[in-house]
Amino acid sequence: MKATDDLQVRWWNLEARLVERFGKKPDLETVLFLVGIQEFGEIRESFSKEQKQDLMHIAVCSLLSQSGYYELEGTDADGWPHFKQLKALPAYNPIEQELFIKDHVLLYFDKIGFK
């Protein structure tokens, strides 16, 4: 079994748990949006398009902070977190980038104890 096979199996397991929780299968962007909301810490009835993009950015920074790529600098007056990049991201092709992010998503959900 290759490492990518294990990653895929773990991803499918996470998707299954998210389907149980939310009633539909999320794509990676939706998962990033959920992580962004979790990290922002405020659930709202709706977010603007720009805020949704900001939430996904927060998610990526939070996820990659687990491996030392970013660190939280603080929050602004509106409660939005801001990150500082600490090291360059790996030069991956799009498929490798997706696997890299998925691996960090899985680590994040394990860390927060999502069962």
C-alpha atoms as a PDB file:
ATOM      1  CA  MET A   1       0.000   0.000   0.000  1.00  0.00           C
ATOM      2  CA  LYS A   2       1.390   3.393  -0.976  1.00  0.00           C
ATOM      3  CA  ALA A   3       1.213   6.414   1.308  1.00  0.00           C
ATOM      4  CA  THR A   4      -1.245   8.082  -1.077  1.00  0.00           C
ATOM      5  CA  ASP A   5      -3.531   5.040  -0.772  1.00  0.00           C
ATOM      6  CA  ASP A   6      -3.516   5.380   3.013  1.00  0.00           C
ATOM      7  CA  LEU A   7      -4.190   9.106   2.686  1.00  0.00           C
ATOM      8  CA  GLN A   8      -7.128   8.421   0.377  1.00  0.00           C
ATOM      9  CA  VAL A   9      -8.631   5.861   2.763  1.00  0.00           C
ATOM     10  CA  ARG A  10      -8.283   8.279   5.689  1.00  0.00           C
ATOM     11  CA  TRP A  11      -9.854  11.047   3.556  1.00  0.00           C
ATOM     12  CA  TRP A  12     -12.822   8.824   2.657  1.00  0.00           C
ATOM     13  CA  ASN A  13     -13.293   8.053   6.364  1.00  0.00           C
ATOM     14  CA  LEU A  14     -13.330  11.772   7.168  1.00  0.00           C
ATOM     15  CA  GLU A  15     -15.811  12.405   4.348  1.00  0.00           C
ATOM     16  CA  ALA A  16     -18.067   9.671   5.739  1.00  0.00           C
ATOM     17  CA  ARG A  17     -18.004  11.270   9.203  1.00  0.00           C
ATOM     18  CA  LEU A  18     -18.795  14.687   7.679  1.00  0.00           C
ATOM     19  CA  VAL A  19     -21.705  13.183   5.712  1.00  0.00           C
ATOM     20  CA  GLU A  20     -23.059  11.749   8.978  1.00  0.00           C
ATOM     21  CA  ARG A  21     -22.733  15.168  10.616  1.00  0.00           C
ATOM     22  CA  PHE A  22     -23.958  17.442   7.799  1.00  0.00           C
ATOM     23  CA  GLY A  23     -26.000  15.176   5.529  1.00  0.00           C
ATOM     24  CA  LYS A  24     -23.977  15.647   2.359  1.00  0.00           C
ATOM     25  CA  LYS A  25     -20.501  14.910   1.054  1.00  0.00           C
ATOM     26  CA  PRO A  26     -18.261  17.986   1.171  1.00  0.00           C
ATOM     27  CA  ASP A  27     -15.572  18.789  -1.366  1.00  0.00           C
ATOM     28  CA  LEU A  28     -12.167  20.076  -0.267  1.00  0.00           C
ATOM     29  CA  GLU A  29     -13.241  23.729  -0.570  1.00  0.00           C
ATOM     30  CA  THR A  30     -16.198  23.083   1.719  1.00  0.00           C
ATOM     31  CA  VAL A  31     -13.942  21.370   4.247  1.00  0.00           C
ATOM     32  CA  LEU A  32     -11.589  24.364   4.143  1.00  0.00           C
ATOM     33  CA  PHE A  33     -14.575  26.677   4.666  1.00  0.00           C
ATOM     34  CA  LEU A  34     -15.621  24.623   7.732  1.00  0.00           C
ATOM     35  CA  VAL A  35     -12.090  24.749   9.162  1.00  0.00           C
ATOM     36  CA  GLY A  36     -12.037  28.504   8.527  1.00  0.00           C
ATOM     37  CA  ILE A  37     -15.278  28.999  10.440  1.00  0.00           C
ATOM     38  CA  GLN A  38     -13.941  26.829  13.274  1.00  0.00           C
ATOM     39  CA  GLU A  39     -10.757  28.886  13.469  1.00  0.00           C
ATOM     40  CA  PHE A  40     -12.578  32.212  13.119  1.00  0.00           C
ATOM     41  CA  GLY A  41     -14.792  31.119  15.985  1.00  0.00           C
ATOM     42  CA  GLU A  42     -17.963  32.877  14.915  1.00  0.00           C
ATOM     43  CA  ILE A  43     -20.885  31.268  13.138  1.00  0.00           C
ATOM     44  CA  ARG A  44     -22.953  33.688  11.118  1.00  0.00           C
ATOM     45  CA  GLU A  45     -26.096  33.249   9.084  1.00  0.00           C
ATOM     46  CA  SER A  46     -24.181  34.298   5.987  1.00  0.00           C
ATOM     47  CA  PHE A  47     -20.771  35.443   4.845  1.00  0.00           C
ATOM     48  CA  SER A  48     -19.957  37.641   1.859  1.00  0.00           C
ATOM     49  CA  LYS A  49     -17.984  36.152  -1.023  1.00  0.00           C
ATOM     50  CA  GLU A  50     -14.876  37.978   0.203  1.00  0.00           C
ATOM     51  CA  GLN A  51     -15.386  36.702   3.750  1.00  0.00           C
ATOM     52  CA  LYS A  52     -15.735  33.133   2.446  1.00  0.00           C
ATOM     53  CA  GLN A  53     -12.403  33.535   0.647  1.00  0.00           C
ATOM     54  CA  ASP A  54     -10.899  34.959   3.840  1.00  0.00           C
ATOM     55  CA  LEU A  55     -12.214  31.978   5.821  1.00  0.00           C
ATOM     56  CA  MET A  56     -10.608  29.555   3.381  1.00  0.00           C
ATOM     57  CA  HIS A  57      -7.337  31.498   3.664  1.00  0.00           C
ATOM     58  CA  ILE A  58      -7.563  31.296   7.464  1.00  0.00           C
ATOM     59  CA  ALA A  59      -8.100  27.552   7.123  1.00  0.00           C
ATOM     60  CA  VAL A  60      -5.051  27.044   4.910  1.00  0.00           C
ATOM     61  CA  CYS A  61      -2.854  29.137   7.197  1.00  0.00           C
ATOM     62  CA  SER A  62      -4.153  27.333  10.296  1.00  0.00           C
ATOM     63  CA  LEU A  63      -3.674  23.930   8.707  1.00  0.00           C
ATOM     64  CA  LEU A  64      -0.157  24.674   7.510  1.00  0.00           C
ATOM     65  CA  SER A  65       0.808  26.230  10.835  1.00  0.00           C
ATOM     66  CA  GLN A  66       0.796  22.635  12.118  1.00  0.00           C
ATOM     67  CA  SER A  67       3.953  22.094  10.044  1.00  0.00           C
ATOM     68  CA  GLY A  68       5.581  25.438  10.769  1.00  0.00           C
ATOM     69  CA  TYR A  69       4.720  27.224   7.510  1.00  0.00           C
ATOM     70  CA  TYR A  70       2.643  29.935   9.220  1.00  0.00           C
ATOM     71  CA  GLU A  71       2.100  31.319  12.680  1.00  0.00           C
ATOM     72  CA  LEU A  72      -0.756  33.329  14.075  1.00  0.00           C
ATOM     73  CA  GLU A  73       0.242  36.988  14.453  1.00  0.00           C
ATOM     74  CA  GLY A  74      -2.974  38.025  16.146  1.00  0.00           C
ATOM     75  CA  THR A  75      -6.486  39.147  15.400  1.00  0.00           C
ATOM     76  CA  ASP A  76      -7.752  42.452  14.093  1.00  0.00           C
ATOM     77  CA  ALA A  77     -10.445  44.653  15.670  1.00  0.00           C
ATOM     78  CA  ASP A  78     -13.170  42.580  13.985  1.00  0.00           C
ATOM     79  CA  GLY A  79     -11.805  39.305  15.345  1.00  0.00           C
ATOM     80  CA  TRP A  80     -10.262  38.063  12.092  1.00  0.00           C
ATOM     81  CA  PRO A  81      -7.017  36.126  12.596  1.00  0.00           C
ATOM     82  CA  HIS A  82      -3.885  37.174  10.701  1.00  0.00           C
ATOM     83  CA  PHE A  83      -0.932  34.923   9.979  1.00  0.00           C
ATOM     84  CA  LYS A  84       2.728  35.378   9.149  1.00  0.00           C
ATOM     85  CA  GLN A  85       4.417  33.022   6.691  1.00  0.00           C
ATOM     86  CA  LEU A  86       7.541  31.498   8.250  1.00  0.00           C
ATOM     87  CA  LYS A  87       8.923  29.427   5.395  1.00  0.00           C
ATOM     88  CA  ALA A  88       8.337  28.852   1.709  1.00  0.00           C
ATOM     89  CA  LEU A  89       5.709  26.343   0.696  1.00  0.00           C
ATOM     90  CA  PRO A  90       6.825  23.290  -1.278  1.00  0.00           C
ATOM     91  CA  ALA A  91       6.705  23.616  -5.072  1.00  0.00           C
ATOM     92  CA  TYR A  92       4.079  20.971  -5.765  1.00  0.00           C
ATOM     93  CA  ASN A  93       1.972  20.335  -8.829  1.00  0.00           C
ATOM     94  CA  PRO A  94      -1.808  20.706  -8.339  1.00  0.00           C
ATOM     95  CA  ILE A  95      -2.370  17.039  -7.419  1.00  0.00           C
ATOM     96  CA  GLU A  96       0.485  17.087  -4.900  1.00  0.00           C
ATOM     97  CA  GLN A  97      -0.845  20.366  -3.458  1.00  0.00           C
ATOM     98  CA  GLU A  98      -4.251  18.784  -2.908  1.00  0.00           C
ATOM     99  CA  LEU A  99      -2.714  15.764  -1.181  1.00  0.00           C
ATOM    100  CA  PHE A 100      -0.553  18.081   0.954  1.00  0.00           C
ATOM    101  CA  ILE A 101      -3.618  20.050   2.081  1.00  0.00           C
ATOM    102  CA  LYS A 102      -5.708  16.902   2.631  1.00  0.00           C
ATOM    103  CA  ASP A 103      -2.960  15.454   4.829  1.00  0.00           C
ATOM    104  CA  HIS A 104      -2.983  18.627   6.933  1.00  0.00           C
ATOM    105  CA  VAL A 105      -6.807  18.584   7.097  1.00  0.00           C
ATOM    106  CA  LEU A 106      -6.695  15.016   8.419  1.00  0.00           C
ATOM    107  CA  LEU A 107      -4.085  15.988  11.008  1.00  0.00           C
ATOM    108  CA  TYR A 108      -6.268  18.937  12.064  1.00  0.00           C
ATOM    109  CA  PHE A 109      -9.410  16.821  12.505  1.00  0.00           C
ATOM    110  CA  ASP A 110      -7.435  14.220  14.470  1.00  0.00           C
ATOM    111  CA  LYS A 111      -6.006  16.980  16.660  1.00  0.00           C
ATOM    112  CA  ILE A 112      -9.416  18.443  17.487  1.00  0.00           C
ATOM    113  CA  GLY A 113     -10.801  14.959  18.194  1.00  0.00           C
ATOM    114  CA  PHE A 114     -13.452  14.876  15.462  1.00  0.00           C
ATOM    115  CA  LYS A 115     -14.904  11.380  15.574  1.00  0.00           C
END
